PDB file of N, CA and C in Angstrom:
ATOM      1  N   MET A   1     -20.849  97.432  -9.386  1.00  0.00           N
ATOM      2  CA  MET A   1     -21.957  96.261  -9.056  1.00  0.00           C
ATOM      3  C   MET A   1     -22.333  95.765  -8.292  1.00  0.00           C
ATOM      4  N   PRO A   2     -23.381  95.997  -7.404  1.00  0.00           N
ATOM      5  CA  PRO A   2     -23.888  95.174  -6.203  1.00  0.00           C
ATOM      6  C   PRO A   2     -24.676  94.692  -5.733  1.00  0.00           C
ATOM      7  N   LEU A   3     -23.967  93.748  -5.001  1.00  0.00           N
ATOM      8  CA  LEU A   3     -24.842  92.741  -4.728  1.00  0.00           C
ATOM      9  C   LEU A   3     -26.445  92.465  -4.763  1.00  0.00           C
ATOM     10  N   VAL A   4     -26.977  93.374  -4.165  1.00  0.00           N
ATOM     11  CA  VAL A   4     -28.828  93.847  -4.074  1.00  0.00           C
ATOM     12  C   VAL A   4     -28.545  95.020  -4.500  1.00  0.00           C
ATOM     13  N   PRO A   5     -29.183  95.048  -5.480  1.00  0.00           N
ATOM     14  CA  PRO A   5     -29.708  96.439  -6.196  1.00  0.00           C
ATOM     15  C   PRO A   5     -30.620  97.239  -5.538  1.00  0.00           C
ATOM     16  N   GLN A   6     -31.061  96.872  -4.475  1.00  0.00           N
ATOM     17  CA  GLN A   6     -32.015  97.995  -4.088  1.00  0.00           C
ATOM     18  C   GLN A   6     -31.779  97.167  -2.484  1.00  0.00           C
ATOM     19  N   ARG A   7     -32.440  98.181  -1.881  1.00  0.00           N
ATOM     20  CA  ARG A   7     -31.789  98.077   0.188  1.00  0.00           C
ATOM     21  C   ARG A   7     -33.341  97.447   0.607  1.00  0.00           C
ATOM     22  N   LEU A   8     -33.402  96.856   1.013  1.00  0.00           N
ATOM     23  CA  LEU A   8     -34.787  96.153   1.264  1.00  0.00           C
ATOM     24  C   LEU A   8     -35.294  96.062   3.668  1.00  0.00           C
ATOM     25  N   ASP A   9     -33.783  97.031   3.932  1.00  0.00           N
ATOM     26  CA  ASP A   9     -34.780  97.098   5.096  1.00  0.00           C
ATOM     27  C   ASP A   9     -34.838  99.529   5.709  1.00  0.00           C
ATOM     28  N   VAL A  10     -34.998  99.719   4.582  1.00  0.00           N
ATOM     29  CA  VAL A  10     -35.716 100.832   4.202  1.00  0.00           C
ATOM     30  C   VAL A  10     -37.000 100.936   4.944  1.00  0.00           C
ATOM     31  N   PRO A  11     -37.903 102.199   5.105  1.00  0.00           N
ATOM     32  CA  PRO A  11     -38.911 101.916   4.914  1.00  0.00           C
ATOM     33  C   PRO A  11     -40.004 101.934   3.586  1.00  0.00           C
ATOM     34  N   VAL A  12     -39.535 102.492   3.170  1.00  0.00           N
ATOM     35  CA  VAL A  12     -39.763 102.759   1.019  1.00  0.00           C
ATOM     36  C   VAL A  12     -39.424 101.946   0.520  1.00  0.00           C
ATOM     37  N   THR A  13     -39.734 101.315  -0.092  1.00  0.00           N
ATOM     38  CA  THR A  13     -38.910 100.450  -1.763  1.00  0.00           C
ATOM     39  C   THR A  13     -39.395 101.285  -2.978  1.00  0.00           C
ATOM     40  N   ILE A  14     -38.469 101.583  -3.663  1.00  0.00           N
ATOM     41  CA  ILE A  14     -39.416 101.723  -4.923  1.00  0.00           C
ATOM     42  C   ILE A  14     -38.577 100.542  -6.144  1.00  0.00           C
ATOM     43  N   ASP A  15     -39.417  99.568  -6.772  1.00  0.00           N
ATOM     44  CA  ASP A  15     -39.186  99.463  -8.250  1.00  0.00           C
ATOM     45  C   ASP A  15     -38.833 100.590  -9.725  1.00  0.00           C
ATOM     46  N   ALA A  16     -37.262 100.411  -9.482  1.00  0.00           N
ATOM     47  CA  ALA A  16     -37.185 101.248 -10.299  1.00  0.00           C
ATOM     48  C   ALA A  16     -37.852 100.556 -11.668  1.00  0.00           C
ATOM     49  N   SER A  17     -37.949  99.603 -12.206  1.00  0.00           N
ATOM     50  CA  SER A  17     -38.471  98.855 -13.584  1.00  0.00           C
ATOM     51  C   SER A  17     -39.204  99.561 -13.987  1.00  0.00           C
ATOM     52  N   ARG A  18     -40.402  99.399 -12.599  1.00  0.00           N
ATOM     53  CA  ARG A  18     -41.369 100.513 -12.565  1.00  0.00           C
ATOM     54  C   ARG A  18     -41.986 101.667 -12.404  1.00  0.00           C
ATOM     55  N   CYS A  19     -40.663 102.390 -12.227  1.00  0.00           N
ATOM     56  CA  CYS A  19     -41.089 103.758 -12.212  1.00  0.00           C
ATOM     57  C   CYS A  19     -40.911 104.649 -12.987  1.00  0.00           C
ATOM     58  N   ILE A  20     -41.498 105.605 -13.363  1.00  0.00           N
ATOM     59  CA  ILE A  20     -41.878 106.414 -14.931  1.00  0.00           C
ATOM     60  C   ILE A  20     -40.265 107.561 -14.148  1.00  0.00           C
ATOM     61  N   ASP A  21     -39.678 107.342 -15.608  1.00  0.00           N
ATOM     62  CA  ASP A  21     -38.420 108.558 -15.420  1.00  0.00           C
ATOM     63  C   ASP A  21     -39.060 110.322 -14.962  1.00  0.00           C
ATOM     64  N   GLY A  22     -38.402 110.481 -14.261  1.00  0.00           N
ATOM     65  CA  GLY A  22     -38.547 111.818 -14.570  1.00  0.00           C
ATOM     66  C   GLY A  22     -39.848 112.142 -12.983  1.00  0.00           C
ATOM     67  N   CYS A  23     -41.081 111.265 -13.141  1.00  0.00           N
ATOM     68  CA  CYS A  23     -42.041 111.653 -12.643  1.00  0.00           C
ATOM     69  C   CYS A  23     -41.284 111.567 -10.785  1.00  0.00           C
ATOM     70  N   THR A  24     -42.356 112.393  -9.936  1.00  0.00           N
ATOM     71  CA  THR A  24     -42.024 113.429  -9.236  1.00  0.00           C
ATOM     72  C   THR A  24     -43.241 113.147  -7.890  1.00  0.00           C
ATOM     73  N   LEU A  25     -44.476 112.352  -8.622  1.00  0.00           N
ATOM     74  CA  LEU A  25     -45.263 112.494  -7.996  1.00  0.00           C
ATOM     75  C   LEU A  25     -45.228 112.067  -5.958  1.00  0.00           C
ATOM     76  N   CYS A  26     -44.699 110.995  -5.394  1.00  0.00           N
ATOM     77  CA  CYS A  26     -44.674 110.504  -4.543  1.00  0.00           C
ATOM     78  C   CYS A  26     -42.779 111.404  -3.938  1.00  0.00           C
ATOM     79  N   VAL A  27     -42.271 111.853  -4.418  1.00  0.00           N
ATOM     80  CA  VAL A  27     -41.151 112.999  -3.304  1.00  0.00           C
ATOM     81  C   VAL A  27     -42.349 114.397  -3.711  1.00  0.00           C
ATOM     82  N   ASP A  28     -43.320 114.224  -4.112  1.00  0.00           N
ATOM     83  CA  ASP A  28     -43.676 115.753  -4.461  1.00  0.00           C
ATOM     84  C   ASP A  28     -45.038 115.509  -2.616  1.00  0.00           C
ATOM     85  N   ILE A  29     -45.554 114.057  -2.615  1.00  0.00           N
ATOM     86  CA  ILE A  29     -46.523 114.337  -1.731  1.00  0.00           C
ATOM     87  C   ILE A  29     -45.595 113.739  -0.539  1.00  0.00           C
ATOM     88  N   CYS A  30     -44.894 113.034  -0.009  1.00  0.00           N
ATOM     89  CA  CYS A  30     -44.239 112.886   1.041  1.00  0.00           C
ATOM     90  C   CYS A  30     -44.034 114.131   1.845  1.00  0.00           C
ATOM     91  N   PRO A  31     -44.123 114.074   2.974  1.00  0.00           N
ATOM     92  CA  PRO A  31     -44.209 114.956   4.120  1.00  0.00           C
ATOM     93  C   PRO A  31     -42.745 115.143   5.423  1.00  0.00           C
ATOM     94  N   LEU A  32     -42.072 113.959   5.049  1.00  0.00           N
ATOM     95  CA  LEU A  32     -40.746 114.036   5.670  1.00  0.00           C
ATOM     96  C   LEU A  32     -39.826 114.744   4.588  1.00  0.00           C
ATOM     97  N   ASP A  33     -39.555 114.614   3.512  1.00  0.00           N
ATOM     98  CA  ASP A  33     -39.165 115.039   2.844  1.00  0.00           C
ATOM     99  C   ASP A  33     -37.839 113.340   2.359  1.00  0.00           C
ATOM    100  N   SER A  34     -38.369 112.294   2.469  1.00  0.00           N
ATOM    101  CA  SER A  34     -37.332 111.277   2.299  1.00  0.00           C
ATOM    102  C   SER A  34     -36.722 110.681   1.908  1.00  0.00           C
ATOM    103  N   LEU A  35     -38.088 110.526  -0.130  1.00  0.00           N
ATOM    104  CA  LEU A  35     -37.676 110.103  -1.468  1.00  0.00           C
ATOM    105  C   LEU A  35     -37.673 111.862  -1.996  1.00  0.00           C
ATOM    106  N   ALA A  36     -36.562 110.986  -2.834  1.00  0.00           N
ATOM    107  CA  ALA A  36     -35.455 112.135  -3.867  1.00  0.00           C
ATOM    108  C   ALA A  36     -35.412 110.848  -5.202  1.00  0.00           C
ATOM    109  N   ILE A  37     -35.369 111.692  -6.279  1.00  0.00           N
ATOM    110  CA  ILE A  37     -35.339 111.640  -7.339  1.00  0.00           C
ATOM    111  C   ILE A  37     -33.077 111.280  -8.132  1.00  0.00           C
ATOM    112  N   ASP A  38     -33.313 110.177  -7.939  1.00  0.00           N
ATOM    113  CA  ASP A  38     -31.509 110.113  -8.479  1.00  0.00           C
ATOM    114  C   ASP A  38     -31.189 110.472  -9.641  1.00  0.00           C
ATOM    115  N   PRO A  39     -30.088 111.574  -9.998  1.00  0.00           N
ATOM    116  CA  PRO A  39     -30.256 111.982 -10.641  1.00  0.00           C
ATOM    117  C   PRO A  39     -29.862 111.370 -11.893  1.00  0.00           C
ATOM    118  N   ALA A  40     -28.647 110.569 -11.491  1.00  0.00           N
ATOM    119  CA  ALA A  40     -28.084 108.581 -12.514  1.00  0.00           C
ATOM    120  C   ALA A  40     -28.929 108.572 -13.100  1.00  0.00           C
ATOM    121  N   THR A  41     -29.984 108.147 -12.277  1.00  0.00           N
ATOM    122  CA  THR A  41     -30.840 107.156 -13.421  1.00  0.00           C
ATOM    123  C   THR A  41     -32.584 107.978 -13.320  1.00  0.00           C
ATOM    124  N   ASN A  42     -32.538 109.316 -12.877  1.00  0.00           N
ATOM    125  CA  ASN A  42     -34.018 109.873 -13.040  1.00  0.00           C
ATOM    126  C   ASN A  42     -35.426 109.462 -12.531  1.00  0.00           C
ATOM    127  N   LYS A  43     -34.889 108.225 -11.218  1.00  0.00           N
ATOM    128  CA  LYS A  43     -35.685 107.136 -10.803  1.00  0.00           C
ATOM    129  C   LYS A  43     -36.174 107.352  -9.505  1.00  0.00           C
ATOM    130  N   ALA A  44     -37.118 107.632  -8.380  1.00  0.00           N
ATOM    131  CA  ALA A  44     -37.072 107.942  -7.431  1.00  0.00           C
ATOM    132  C   ALA A  44     -36.413 106.542  -6.273  1.00  0.00           C
ATOM    133  N   TYR A  45     -35.502 106.716  -5.515  1.00  0.00           N
ATOM    134  CA  TYR A  45     -35.188 106.498  -4.379  1.00  0.00           C
ATOM    135  C   TYR A  45     -35.925 106.504  -2.594  1.00  0.00           C
ATOM    136  N   MET A  46     -35.649 106.161  -1.917  1.00  0.00           N
ATOM    137  CA  MET A  46     -35.506 106.834   0.110  1.00  0.00           C
ATOM    138  C   MET A  46     -34.165 106.946   0.032  1.00  0.00           C
ATOM    139  N   HIS A  47     -33.449 108.758  -0.344  1.00  0.00           N
ATOM    140  CA  HIS A  47     -32.703 108.862   0.378  1.00  0.00           C
ATOM    141  C   HIS A  47     -32.390 108.714   2.086  1.00  0.00           C
ATOM    142  N   VAL A  48     -32.868 108.472   2.249  1.00  0.00           N
ATOM    143  CA  VAL A  48     -32.931 108.782   3.944  1.00  0.00           C
ATOM    144  C   VAL A  48     -33.552 107.569   5.060  1.00  0.00           C
ATOM    145  N   ASP A  49     -33.607 107.445   6.038  1.00  0.00           N
ATOM    146  CA  ASP A  49     -34.591 106.265   6.712  1.00  0.00           C
ATOM    147  C   ASP A  49     -34.985 106.638   7.449  1.00  0.00           C
ATOM    148  N   GLU A  50     -35.842 107.459   7.290  1.00  0.00           N
ATOM    149  CA  GLU A  50     -37.448 107.957   8.572  1.00  0.00           C
ATOM    150  C   GLU A  50     -38.931 108.189   7.449  1.00  0.00           C
ATOM    151  N   CYS A  51     -39.719 107.465   7.967  1.00  0.00           N
ATOM    152  CA  CYS A  51     -40.731 107.566   7.162  1.00  0.00           C
ATOM    153  C   CYS A  51     -42.151 107.045   8.296  1.00  0.00           C
ATOM    154  N   TRP A  52     -42.792 107.714   8.102  1.00  0.00           N
ATOM    155  CA  TRP A  52     -44.377 107.598   9.086  1.00  0.00           C
ATOM    156  C   TRP A  52     -44.771 106.904   8.759  1.00  0.00           C
ATOM    157  N   TYR A  53     -44.726 106.231   8.277  1.00  0.00           N
ATOM    158  CA  TYR A  53     -45.217 105.088   7.684  1.00  0.00           C
ATOM    159  C   TYR A  53     -47.105 105.353   6.584  1.00  0.00           C
ATOM    160  N   CYS A  54     -47.054 107.050   6.744  1.00  0.00           N
ATOM    161  CA  CYS A  54     -48.506 107.841   6.086  1.00  0.00           C
ATOM    162  C   CYS A  54     -49.213 106.879   4.884  1.00  0.00           C
ATOM    163  N   GLY A  55     -48.100 106.564   3.894  1.00  0.00           N
ATOM    164  CA  GLY A  55     -48.795 105.994   2.383  1.00  0.00           C
ATOM    165  C   GLY A  55     -49.697 106.849   1.432  1.00  0.00           C
ATOM    166  N   PRO A  56     -49.546 107.818   1.640  1.00  0.00           N
ATOM    167  CA  PRO A  56     -49.613 108.710   0.228  1.00  0.00           C
ATOM    168  C   PRO A  56     -48.658 108.856  -0.516  1.00  0.00           C
ATOM    169  N   CYS A  57     -46.749 108.174  -0.562  1.00  0.00           N
ATOM    170  CA  CYS A  57     -46.036 108.478  -1.577  1.00  0.00           C
ATOM    171  C   CYS A  57     -46.820 106.667  -2.779  1.00  0.00           C
ATOM    172  N   ALA A  58     -46.952 105.937  -1.529  1.00  0.00           N
ATOM    173  CA  ALA A  58     -47.226 104.587  -2.511  1.00  0.00           C
ATOM    174  C   ALA A  58     -48.893 104.638  -2.850  1.00  0.00           C
ATOM    175  N   ALA A  59     -49.654 105.192  -2.790  1.00  0.00           N
ATOM    176  CA  ALA A  59     -51.505 105.264  -3.266  1.00  0.00           C
ATOM    177  C   ALA A  59     -50.909 106.592  -4.490  1.00  0.00           C
ATOM    178  N   ARG A  60     -50.283 107.606  -4.644  1.00  0.00           N
ATOM    179  CA  ARG A  60     -50.087 107.837  -5.879  1.00  0.00           C
ATOM    180  C   ARG A  60     -49.697 107.406  -6.727  1.00  0.00           C
ATOM    181  N   CYS A  61     -48.657 107.088  -5.977  1.00  0.00           N
ATOM    182  CA  CYS A  61     -47.500 105.858  -7.558  1.00  0.00           C
ATOM    183  C   CYS A  61     -48.974 106.186  -8.528  1.00  0.00           C
ATOM    184  N   PRO A  62     -48.545 106.065  -9.855  1.00  0.00           N
ATOM    185  CA  PRO A  62     -49.542 105.060 -10.995  1.00  0.00           C
ATOM    186  C   PRO A  62     -49.009 104.172 -11.531  1.00  0.00           C
ATOM    187  N   THR A  63     -48.410 103.441 -10.896  1.00  0.00           N
ATOM    188  CA  THR A  63     -47.417 101.929 -11.634  1.00  0.00           C
ATOM    189  C   THR A  63     -47.240 101.382 -10.398  1.00  0.00           C
ATOM    190  N   SER A  64     -47.940 102.340  -9.115  1.00  0.00           N
ATOM    191  CA  SER A  64     -47.540 100.637  -8.305  1.00  0.00           C
ATOM    192  C   SER A  64     -46.275 100.463  -7.796  1.00  0.00           C
ATOM    193  N   ALA A  65     -45.069 101.364  -8.221  1.00  0.00           N
ATOM    194  CA  ALA A  65     -43.697 101.207  -7.847  1.00  0.00           C
ATOM    195  C   ALA A  65     -43.036 101.425  -6.387  1.00  0.00           C
ATOM    196  N   VAL A  66     -43.566 101.910  -6.006  1.00  0.00           N
ATOM    197  CA  VAL A  66     -43.754 102.749  -4.600  1.00  0.00           C
ATOM    198  C   VAL A  66     -44.215 101.207  -3.707  1.00  0.00           C
ATOM    199  N   THR A  67     -44.034 101.243  -2.500  1.00  0.00           N
ATOM    200  CA  THR A  67     -44.485 100.089  -1.198  1.00  0.00           C
ATOM    201  C   THR A  67     -43.955 100.763  -0.106  1.00  0.00           C
ATOM    202  N   VAL A  68     -44.887 100.460   0.385  1.00  0.00           N
ATOM    203  CA  VAL A  68     -44.780 101.130   2.291  1.00  0.00           C
ATOM    204  C   VAL A  68     -43.851  99.769   3.446  1.00  0.00           C
ATOM    205  N   ASN A  69     -43.031  99.447   3.537  1.00  0.00           N
ATOM    206  CA  ASN A  69     -43.059  98.605   4.485  1.00  0.00           C
ATOM    207  C   ASN A  69     -42.846  99.068   5.626  1.00  0.00           C
ATOM    208  N   MET A  70     -44.259  98.373   6.274  1.00  0.00           N
ATOM    209  CA  MET A  70     -45.245  98.479   6.898  1.00  0.00           C
ATOM    210  C   MET A  70     -44.675  97.484   8.025  1.00  0.00           C
ATOM    211  N   PRO A  71     -43.886  98.097   8.961  1.00  0.00           N
ATOM    212  CA  PRO A  71     -43.517  96.817  10.673  1.00  0.00           C
ATOM    213  C   PRO A  71     -44.801  96.480  10.789  1.00  0.00           C
ATOM    214  N   TYR A  72     -44.562  94.973  11.827  1.00  0.00           N
ATOM    215  CA  TYR A  72     -45.599  94.207  12.156  1.00  0.00           C
ATOM    216  C   TYR A  72     -46.467  94.927  12.689  1.00  0.00           C
ATOM    217  N   LEU A  73     -45.972  95.464  13.577  1.00  0.00           N
ATOM    218  CA  LEU A  73     -46.680  95.727  15.029  1.00  0.00           C
ATOM    219  C   LEU A  73     -46.803  97.083  14.298  1.00  0.00           C
ATOM    220  N   LEU A  74     -47.666  98.057  13.649  1.00  0.00           N
ATOM    221  CA  LEU A  74     -47.614  99.144  13.595  1.00  0.00           C
ATOM    222  C   LEU A  74     -49.720  98.753  12.293  1.00  0.00           C
ATOM    223  N   ARG A  75     -49.767  97.611  11.500  1.00  0.00           N
ATOM    224  CA  ARG A  75     -50.094  96.868  10.710  1.00  0.00           C
ATOM    225  C   ARG A  75     -51.402  96.861  11.722  1.00  0.00           C
TER     226      ARG A  75
END
């Protein structure tokens, strides 16, 4: 087991405890295909470090499991 269960340096983080098994709403709406479903956990995760910070993934998540970590200079 890794010391840190979730990477914090990626643009989008997903709270696995709130993520619905099999839900693909955030994955489907991402224009860069940066999100994917982990086959082992059936939860979403960010599989590449590229993001436009557009936010539909977070807005579409019904449980607020997705957080877009907006850089300070873009706020």
